[in-house]
């Protein structure tokens, strides 16, 4: 097939398509409506995400960290008593992420305010929903980093 014949065929189809108002409406309106609907429905903002928290330190700084995570409404904090409870909640779909604060968190903050390494916490995500886990990880990392920096400053003061 020659390029000239292909070009003629394409021009004929374009003219036929734009001649009919219904076809033009379908060609323009349907993708535009789909774009608007998907843009509204597929938001990457994390809101009211169930978060299991295992606070093994149970100190004032660890409670403050948990309170700061729950305050803006981004996470619905559910306290759990054991690591097995986190596993059950993640497998059962009751929570989408979990935060484990280890024993000695407050002591680690004290060392960090004296110039040492900051304490580590563990974040666990439901891997079945990769996009949600990625968004939750970004939110949790930023919120924990900001809260941790404030806690270290208070420890130094």
N, C-alpha and C. Protein backbone atom coordinates (compact mmCIF):
# COMPACT_ATOMS: atom_id res chain seq x y z
N UNK A 1 0.85 -1.17 0.00
CA UNK A 1 0.00 0.00 0.00
C UNK A 1 0.90 1.24 0.00
N UNK A 2 0.55 2.20 -0.79
CA UNK A 2 1.37 3.40 -0.91
C UNK A 2 0.97 4.43 0.16
N UNK A 3 1.88 5.35 0.44
CA UNK A 3 1.62 6.40 1.43
C UNK A 3 0.52 7.34 0.94
N UNK A 4 0.46 7.52 -0.36
CA UNK A 4 -0.56 8.41 -0.92
C UNK A 4 -1.96 7.84 -0.69
N UNK A 5 -2.12 6.56 -0.91
CA UNK A 5 -3.43 5.91 -0.68
C UNK A 5 -3.80 5.96 0.81
N UNK A 6 -2.80 5.72 1.68
CA UNK A 6 -3.05 5.75 3.12
C UNK A 6 -3.47 7.16 3.55
N UNK A 7 -2.78 8.16 3.04
CA UNK A 7 -3.12 9.54 3.39
C UNK A 7 -4.52 9.88 2.92
N UNK A 8 -4.90 9.46 1.73
CA UNK A 8 -6.24 9.71 1.20
C UNK A 8 -7.29 9.04 2.07
N UNK A 9 -7.02 7.81 2.47
CA UNK A 9 -7.96 7.08 3.32
C UNK A 9 -8.12 7.77 4.67
N UNK A 10 -7.02 8.21 5.29
CA UNK A 10 -7.07 8.89 6.57
C UNK A 10 -7.84 10.21 6.48
N UNK A 11 -7.59 10.99 5.44
CA UNK A 11 -8.32 12.24 5.26
C UNK A 11 -9.82 12.01 5.09
N UNK A 12 -10.17 10.99 4.36
CA UNK A 12 -11.58 10.68 4.16
C UNK A 12 -12.25 10.32 5.48
N UNK A 13 -11.56 9.52 6.31
CA UNK A 13 -12.12 9.12 7.60
C UNK A 13 -12.23 10.30 8.57
N UNK A 14 -11.24 11.18 8.56
CA UNK A 14 -11.29 12.36 9.43
C UNK A 14 -12.44 13.26 9.02
N UNK A 15 -12.61 13.49 7.74
CA UNK A 15 -13.73 14.32 7.27
C UNK A 15 -15.07 13.69 7.64
N UNK A 16 -15.18 12.39 7.49
CA UNK A 16 -16.44 11.71 7.82
C UNK A 16 -16.72 11.79 9.31
N UNK A 17 -15.67 11.69 10.12
CA UNK A 17 -15.85 11.75 11.57
C UNK A 17 -16.30 13.14 12.02
N UNK A 18 -15.69 14.18 11.48
CA UNK A 18 -16.02 15.54 11.90
C UNK A 18 -17.29 16.07 11.26
N UNK A 19 -17.83 15.36 10.31
CA UNK A 19 -19.07 15.77 9.68
C UNK A 19 -20.26 15.49 10.59
N UNK A 20 -20.15 14.46 11.42
CA UNK A 20 -21.24 14.04 12.30
C UNK A 20 -21.06 14.67 13.69
N UNK A 21 -22.00 15.52 14.17
CA UNK A 21 -21.84 16.18 15.48
C UNK A 21 -21.79 15.19 16.65
N UNK A 22 -22.54 14.11 16.55
CA UNK A 22 -22.52 13.12 17.64
C UNK A 22 -21.14 12.49 17.78
N UNK A 23 -20.51 12.16 16.67
CA UNK A 23 -19.17 11.56 16.69
C UNK A 23 -18.16 12.53 17.28
N UNK A 24 -18.26 13.79 16.92
CA UNK A 24 -17.35 14.79 17.47
C UNK A 24 -17.55 14.90 18.98
N UNK A 25 -18.79 14.89 19.42
CA UNK A 25 -19.08 14.96 20.85
C UNK A 25 -18.48 13.76 21.57
N UNK A 26 -18.66 12.59 21.01
CA UNK A 26 -18.11 11.39 21.63
C UNK A 26 -16.59 11.43 21.65
N UNK A 27 -15.97 11.88 20.59
CA UNK A 27 -14.52 11.94 20.51
C UNK A 27 -13.91 12.92 21.51
N UNK A 28 -14.63 13.97 21.85
CA UNK A 28 -14.08 14.99 22.75
C UNK A 28 -14.62 14.83 24.18
N UNK A 29 -15.91 14.64 24.33
CA UNK A 29 -16.52 14.66 25.66
C UNK A 29 -16.19 13.42 26.49
N UNK A 30 -16.21 12.26 25.90
CA UNK A 30 -15.98 11.04 26.67
C UNK A 30 -14.59 11.01 27.29
N UNK A 31 -13.51 11.28 26.56
CA UNK A 31 -12.20 11.30 27.22
C UNK A 31 -12.07 12.41 28.27
N UNK A 32 -12.69 13.56 28.00
CA UNK A 32 -12.62 14.66 28.96
C UNK A 32 -13.34 14.30 30.26
N UNK A 33 -14.51 13.72 30.17
CA UNK A 33 -15.26 13.30 31.36
C UNK A 33 -14.51 12.21 32.11
N UNK A 34 -13.94 11.26 31.38
CA UNK A 34 -13.18 10.19 32.02
C UNK A 34 -11.97 10.75 32.75
N UNK A 35 -11.29 11.71 32.15
CA UNK A 35 -10.13 12.34 32.78
C UNK A 35 -10.53 13.04 34.08
N UNK A 36 -11.62 13.78 34.05
CA UNK A 36 -12.08 14.48 35.25
C UNK A 36 -12.51 13.50 36.34
N UNK A 37 -13.24 12.46 35.98
CA UNK A 37 -13.68 11.48 36.97
C UNK A 37 -12.52 10.74 37.59
N UNK A 38 -11.58 10.27 36.77
CA UNK A 38 -10.43 9.55 37.30
C UNK A 38 -9.55 10.46 38.14
N UNK A 39 -9.43 11.72 37.75
CA UNK A 39 -8.65 12.67 38.53
C UNK A 39 -9.25 12.90 39.90
N UNK A 40 -10.56 12.85 40.00
CA UNK A 40 -11.23 13.04 41.28
C UNK A 40 -11.18 11.77 42.12
N UNK A 41 -11.42 10.64 41.50
CA UNK A 41 -11.51 9.37 42.23
C UNK A 41 -10.14 8.85 42.64
N UNK A 42 -9.15 8.98 41.79
CA UNK A 42 -7.83 8.41 42.06
C UNK A 42 -6.91 9.44 42.73
N UNK A 43 -7.29 9.89 43.89
CA UNK A 43 -6.48 10.84 44.62
C UNK A 43 -5.36 10.11 45.34
N UNK A 44 -4.17 10.72 45.40
CA UNK A 44 -3.05 10.10 46.09
C UNK A 44 -2.93 10.59 47.53
N UNK A 45 -3.88 11.40 47.97
CA UNK A 45 -3.84 11.92 49.33
C UNK A 45 -4.32 10.85 50.31
N UNK A 46 -3.58 10.71 51.37
CA UNK A 46 -3.94 9.73 52.39
C UNK A 46 -4.88 10.39 53.39
N UNK A 47 -6.06 9.78 53.59
CA UNK A 47 -7.03 10.30 54.54
C UNK A 47 -7.63 9.14 55.32
N UNK A 48 -7.65 9.29 56.64
CA UNK A 48 -8.28 8.32 57.56
C UNK A 48 -7.82 6.88 57.28
N UNK A 49 -6.53 6.71 57.13
CA UNK A 49 -5.96 5.39 56.87
C UNK A 49 -5.78 4.65 58.20
N UNK A 50 -6.32 3.44 58.34
CA UNK A 50 -6.14 2.69 59.59
C UNK A 50 -4.67 2.33 59.82
N UNK A 51 -4.16 2.71 60.99
CA UNK A 51 -2.75 2.52 61.34
C UNK A 51 -2.68 1.82 62.69
N UNK A 52 -2.09 0.62 62.72
CA UNK A 52 -1.89 -0.10 63.98
C UNK A 52 -0.60 0.41 64.61
N UNK A 53 -0.62 0.63 65.92
CA UNK A 53 0.56 1.13 66.62
C UNK A 53 0.87 0.20 67.79
N UNK A 54 2.09 -0.31 67.78
CA UNK A 54 2.60 -1.11 68.90
C UNK A 54 3.66 -0.25 69.59
N UNK A 55 3.28 0.32 70.74
CA UNK A 55 4.17 1.19 71.49
C UNK A 55 4.79 0.39 72.62
N UNK A 56 5.94 -0.23 72.35
CA UNK A 56 6.61 -1.06 73.35
C UNK A 56 7.36 -0.21 74.37
N UNK A 57 7.59 1.07 74.09
CA UNK A 57 8.29 1.96 75.02
C UNK A 57 7.32 2.56 76.02
N UNK A 58 6.14 2.96 75.58
CA UNK A 58 5.10 3.58 76.40
C UNK A 58 5.65 4.71 77.26
N UNK A 59 6.43 5.57 76.63
CA UNK A 59 6.98 6.74 77.31
C UNK A 59 6.24 7.98 76.82
N UNK A 60 6.50 9.10 77.47
CA UNK A 60 5.86 10.35 77.06
C UNK A 60 6.22 10.71 75.61
N UNK A 61 7.50 10.60 75.19
CA UNK A 61 7.79 10.93 73.78
C UNK A 61 7.11 9.99 72.78
N UNK A 62 7.01 8.71 73.11
CA UNK A 62 6.37 7.79 72.16
C UNK A 62 4.87 8.07 72.08
N UNK A 63 4.25 8.38 73.22
CA UNK A 63 2.82 8.73 73.20
C UNK A 63 2.59 10.03 72.43
N UNK A 64 3.52 10.96 72.57
CA UNK A 64 3.41 12.23 71.84
C UNK A 64 3.53 11.99 70.33
N UNK A 65 4.44 11.13 69.93
CA UNK A 65 4.60 10.79 68.52
C UNK A 65 3.31 10.21 67.95
N UNK A 66 2.71 9.30 68.68
CA UNK A 66 1.45 8.67 68.23
C UNK A 66 0.34 9.71 68.17
N UNK A 67 0.29 10.60 69.16
CA UNK A 67 -0.75 11.64 69.17
C UNK A 67 -0.58 12.59 67.98
N UNK A 68 0.66 12.91 67.64
CA UNK A 68 0.90 13.79 66.49
C UNK A 68 0.54 13.12 65.18
N UNK A 69 0.69 11.80 65.10
CA UNK A 69 0.28 11.09 63.88
C UNK A 69 -1.24 11.07 63.74
N UNK A 70 -1.95 10.98 64.86
CA UNK A 70 -3.40 10.90 64.82
C UNK A 70 -4.06 12.26 64.68
N UNK A 71 -3.39 13.33 65.08
CA UNK A 71 -4.01 14.65 65.15
C UNK A 71 -4.57 15.18 63.83
N UNK A 72 -3.84 15.15 62.71
CA UNK A 72 -4.40 15.77 61.50
C UNK A 72 -5.51 14.96 60.83
N UNK A 73 -5.80 13.75 61.29
CA UNK A 73 -6.85 12.94 60.68
C UNK A 73 -6.37 12.12 59.51
N UNK A 74 -5.09 12.14 59.24
CA UNK A 74 -4.54 11.35 58.15
C UNK A 74 -4.60 9.86 58.48
N UNK A 75 -4.33 9.53 59.74
CA UNK A 75 -4.32 8.13 60.18
C UNK A 75 -5.32 7.92 61.32
N UNK A 76 -5.99 6.80 61.28
CA UNK A 76 -6.85 6.36 62.38
C UNK A 76 -6.04 5.37 63.20
N UNK A 77 -5.53 5.83 64.33
CA UNK A 77 -4.61 5.04 65.13
C UNK A 77 -5.38 3.99 65.93
N UNK A 78 -4.94 2.74 65.80
CA UNK A 78 -5.48 1.63 66.58
C UNK A 78 -4.32 1.00 67.34
N UNK A 79 -4.34 1.10 68.64
CA UNK A 79 -3.26 0.54 69.45
C UNK A 79 -3.42 -0.98 69.53
N UNK A 80 -2.30 -1.67 69.43
CA UNK A 80 -2.28 -3.13 69.55
C UNK A 80 -1.25 -3.50 70.62
N UNK A 81 -1.39 -4.69 71.16
CA UNK A 81 -0.53 -5.11 72.27
C UNK A 81 0.65 -5.97 71.84
N UNK A 82 0.52 -6.68 70.74
CA UNK A 82 1.58 -7.62 70.34
C UNK A 82 1.87 -7.52 68.85
N UNK A 83 2.98 -8.08 68.47
CA UNK A 83 3.37 -8.14 67.06
C UNK A 83 2.41 -9.04 66.28
N UNK A 84 1.92 -10.08 66.92
CA UNK A 84 0.97 -10.99 66.27
C UNK A 84 -0.34 -10.26 65.95
N UNK A 85 -0.73 -9.33 66.81
CA UNK A 85 -1.95 -8.55 66.55
C UNK A 85 -1.77 -7.69 65.30
N UNK A 86 -0.57 -7.17 65.10
CA UNK A 86 -0.29 -6.40 63.87
C UNK A 86 -0.41 -7.31 62.65
N UNK A 87 0.20 -8.50 62.74
CA UNK A 87 0.13 -9.43 61.62
C UNK A 87 -1.31 -9.81 61.30
N UNK A 88 -2.11 -10.10 62.33
CA UNK A 88 -3.52 -10.45 62.11
C UNK A 88 -4.29 -9.29 61.48
N UNK A 89 -4.04 -8.07 61.96
CA UNK A 89 -4.75 -6.91 61.44
C UNK A 89 -4.37 -6.63 59.98
N UNK A 90 -3.11 -6.80 59.64
CA UNK A 90 -2.68 -6.59 58.26
C UNK A 90 -3.24 -7.65 57.33
N UNK A 91 -3.17 -8.90 57.76
CA UNK A 91 -3.69 -10.00 56.93
C UNK A 91 -5.21 -9.91 56.79
N UNK A 92 -5.88 -9.51 57.87
CA UNK A 92 -7.34 -9.40 57.85
C UNK A 92 -7.86 -8.16 57.15
N UNK A 93 -6.97 -7.25 56.78
CA UNK A 93 -7.40 -6.05 56.09
C UNK A 93 -7.96 -4.98 57.01
N UNK A 94 -7.78 -5.14 58.32
CA UNK A 94 -8.31 -4.15 59.27
C UNK A 94 -7.47 -2.88 59.27
N UNK A 95 -6.17 -3.00 59.02
CA UNK A 95 -5.27 -1.85 58.93
C UNK A 95 -4.47 -1.95 57.64
N UNK A 96 -3.96 -0.82 57.20
CA UNK A 96 -3.15 -0.80 55.98
C UNK A 96 -1.68 -0.57 56.26
N UNK A 97 -1.38 -0.12 57.48
CA UNK A 97 0.01 0.12 57.85
C UNK A 97 0.12 -0.06 59.36
N UNK A 98 1.36 -0.26 59.82
CA UNK A 98 1.60 -0.42 61.25
C UNK A 98 2.90 0.29 61.62
N UNK A 99 2.93 0.78 62.83
CA UNK A 99 4.09 1.48 63.37
C UNK A 99 4.50 0.75 64.65
N UNK A 100 5.77 0.36 64.73
CA UNK A 100 6.29 -0.33 65.91
C UNK A 100 7.33 0.57 66.55
N UNK A 101 7.03 1.02 67.77
CA UNK A 101 7.97 1.84 68.53
C UNK A 101 8.67 0.91 69.51
N UNK A 102 9.99 0.72 69.39
CA UNK A 102 10.70 -0.26 70.21
C UNK A 102 10.92 0.24 71.64
N UNK A 103 11.21 -0.69 72.55
CA UNK A 103 11.57 -0.25 73.90
C UNK A 103 12.86 0.58 73.83
N UNK A 104 12.97 1.56 74.68
CA UNK A 104 14.15 2.41 74.69
C UNK A 104 14.07 3.57 73.71
N UNK A 105 12.90 3.84 73.19
CA UNK A 105 12.72 4.96 72.24
C UNK A 105 13.08 6.29 72.90
N UNK A 106 12.62 6.49 74.13
CA UNK A 106 12.90 7.75 74.84
C UNK A 106 14.40 7.91 75.11
N UNK A 107 15.06 6.82 75.48
CA UNK A 107 16.52 6.89 75.69
C UNK A 107 17.23 7.23 74.39
N UNK A 108 16.77 6.67 73.31
CA UNK A 108 17.35 6.96 72.00
C UNK A 108 17.20 8.43 71.62
N UNK A 109 16.06 9.02 71.98
CA UNK A 109 15.88 10.45 71.74
C UNK A 109 16.87 11.27 72.56
N UNK A 110 17.11 10.83 73.80
CA UNK A 110 18.09 11.51 74.64
C UNK A 110 19.48 11.45 74.03
N UNK A 111 19.85 10.28 73.50
CA UNK A 111 21.15 10.14 72.84
C UNK A 111 21.22 11.00 71.58
N UNK A 112 20.11 11.08 70.85
CA UNK A 112 20.08 11.88 69.62
C UNK A 112 20.23 13.36 69.94
N UNK A 113 19.63 13.81 71.04
CA UNK A 113 19.76 15.22 71.40
C UNK A 113 21.19 15.54 71.84
N UNK A 114 21.93 14.51 72.27
CA UNK A 114 23.34 14.71 72.66
C UNK A 114 24.28 14.52 71.48
N UNK A 115 23.74 14.34 70.29
CA UNK A 115 24.57 14.21 69.10
C UNK A 115 24.69 12.79 68.58
N UNK A 116 24.02 11.84 69.21
CA UNK A 116 24.08 10.45 68.77
C UNK A 116 23.10 10.17 67.64
N UNK A 117 23.02 8.92 67.27
CA UNK A 117 22.10 8.50 66.22
C UNK A 117 20.66 8.52 66.73
N UNK A 118 19.72 8.92 65.91
CA UNK A 118 18.32 8.94 66.35
C UNK A 118 17.80 7.51 66.50
N UNK A 119 16.78 7.33 67.34
CA UNK A 119 16.22 5.99 67.52
C UNK A 119 15.49 5.54 66.25
N UNK A 120 15.46 4.23 66.07
CA UNK A 120 14.78 3.69 64.89
C UNK A 120 13.41 3.16 65.29
N UNK A 121 12.46 3.34 64.38
CA UNK A 121 11.14 2.75 64.54
C UNK A 121 10.88 1.91 63.30
N UNK A 122 9.92 1.03 63.40
CA UNK A 122 9.61 0.15 62.27
C UNK A 122 8.26 0.51 61.69
N UNK A 123 8.19 0.63 60.38
CA UNK A 123 6.94 0.86 59.67
C UNK A 123 6.66 -0.37 58.81
N UNK A 124 5.47 -0.91 58.93
CA UNK A 124 5.07 -2.11 58.19
C UNK A 124 3.85 -1.75 57.35
N UNK A 125 3.85 -2.17 56.09
CA UNK A 125 2.77 -1.84 55.17
C UNK A 125 2.12 -3.09 54.61
N UNK A 126 0.86 -2.94 54.22
CA UNK A 126 0.15 -4.00 53.53
C UNK A 126 0.60 -3.98 52.07
N UNK A 127 1.35 -4.97 51.66
CA UNK A 127 1.91 -5.00 50.32
C UNK A 127 0.90 -5.32 49.23
N UNK A 128 -0.32 -5.71 49.59
CA UNK A 128 -1.32 -6.05 48.58
C UNK A 128 -1.75 -4.81 47.80
N UNK A 129 -1.68 -3.64 48.42
CA UNK A 129 -2.05 -2.40 47.75
C UNK A 129 -0.79 -1.53 47.66
N UNK A 130 -0.04 -1.73 46.60
CA UNK A 130 1.27 -1.09 46.46
C UNK A 130 1.18 0.43 46.39
N UNK A 131 0.20 0.97 45.68
CA UNK A 131 0.08 2.42 45.56
C UNK A 131 -0.26 3.03 46.90
N UNK A 132 -1.21 2.43 47.60
CA UNK A 132 -1.59 2.92 48.92
C UNK A 132 -0.42 2.81 49.89
N UNK A 133 0.32 1.72 49.83
CA UNK A 133 1.48 1.56 50.71
C UNK A 133 2.54 2.61 50.41
N UNK A 134 2.77 2.91 49.16
CA UNK A 134 3.74 3.94 48.80
C UNK A 134 3.33 5.32 49.29
N UNK A 135 2.05 5.65 49.12
CA UNK A 135 1.56 6.94 49.60
C UNK A 135 1.63 7.02 51.12
N UNK A 136 1.22 5.93 51.78
CA UNK A 136 1.26 5.91 53.24
C UNK A 136 2.70 6.02 53.74
N UNK A 137 3.62 5.38 53.06
CA UNK A 137 5.02 5.44 53.46
C UNK A 137 5.54 6.87 53.38
N UNK A 138 5.21 7.57 52.31
CA UNK A 138 5.65 8.96 52.18
C UNK A 138 5.10 9.84 53.29
N UNK A 139 3.80 9.69 53.57
CA UNK A 139 3.18 10.48 54.64
C UNK A 139 3.80 10.13 55.99
N UNK A 140 3.92 8.83 56.28
CA UNK A 140 4.45 8.42 57.58
C UNK A 140 5.89 8.87 57.76
N UNK A 141 6.70 8.70 56.74
CA UNK A 141 8.11 9.11 56.86
C UNK A 141 8.22 10.60 57.16
N UNK A 142 7.47 11.41 56.44
CA UNK A 142 7.57 12.86 56.66
C UNK A 142 7.03 13.26 58.02
N UNK A 143 5.91 12.66 58.42
CA UNK A 143 5.33 13.01 59.72
C UNK A 143 6.21 12.53 60.87
N UNK A 144 6.75 11.32 60.76
CA UNK A 144 7.62 10.80 61.82
C UNK A 144 8.92 11.60 61.88
N UNK A 145 9.46 11.98 60.74
CA UNK A 145 10.69 12.78 60.74
C UNK A 145 10.46 14.14 61.40
N UNK A 146 9.35 14.78 61.07
CA UNK A 146 9.06 16.09 61.67
C UNK A 146 8.81 15.96 63.17
N UNK A 147 8.02 14.97 63.56
CA UNK A 147 7.74 14.75 64.99
C UNK A 147 9.00 14.37 65.73
N UNK A 148 9.80 13.52 65.15
CA UNK A 148 11.07 13.11 65.78
C UNK A 148 12.01 14.28 65.97
N UNK A 149 12.07 15.17 64.98
CA UNK A 149 12.94 16.35 65.10
C UNK A 149 12.46 17.24 66.24
N UNK A 150 11.14 17.40 66.37
CA UNK A 150 10.61 18.22 67.48
C UNK A 150 10.90 17.55 68.82
N UNK A 151 10.79 16.23 68.89
CA UNK A 151 11.05 15.53 70.14
C UNK A 151 12.54 15.63 70.52
N UNK A 152 13.43 15.54 69.54
CA UNK A 152 14.85 15.67 69.82
C UNK A 152 15.17 17.07 70.31
N UNK A 153 14.55 18.08 69.69
CA UNK A 153 14.77 19.47 70.14
C UNK A 153 14.32 19.64 71.58
N UNK A 154 13.17 19.07 71.91
CA UNK A 154 12.67 19.19 73.29
C UNK A 154 13.59 18.47 74.28
N UNK A 155 14.16 17.35 73.81
CA UNK A 155 15.09 16.61 74.68
C UNK A 155 16.36 17.40 74.92
N UNK A 156 16.78 18.19 73.93
CA UNK A 156 18.01 18.98 74.07
C UNK A 156 17.78 20.23 74.90
N UNK A 157 16.52 20.72 74.92
CA UNK A 157 16.22 21.96 75.65
C UNK A 157 16.09 21.74 77.14
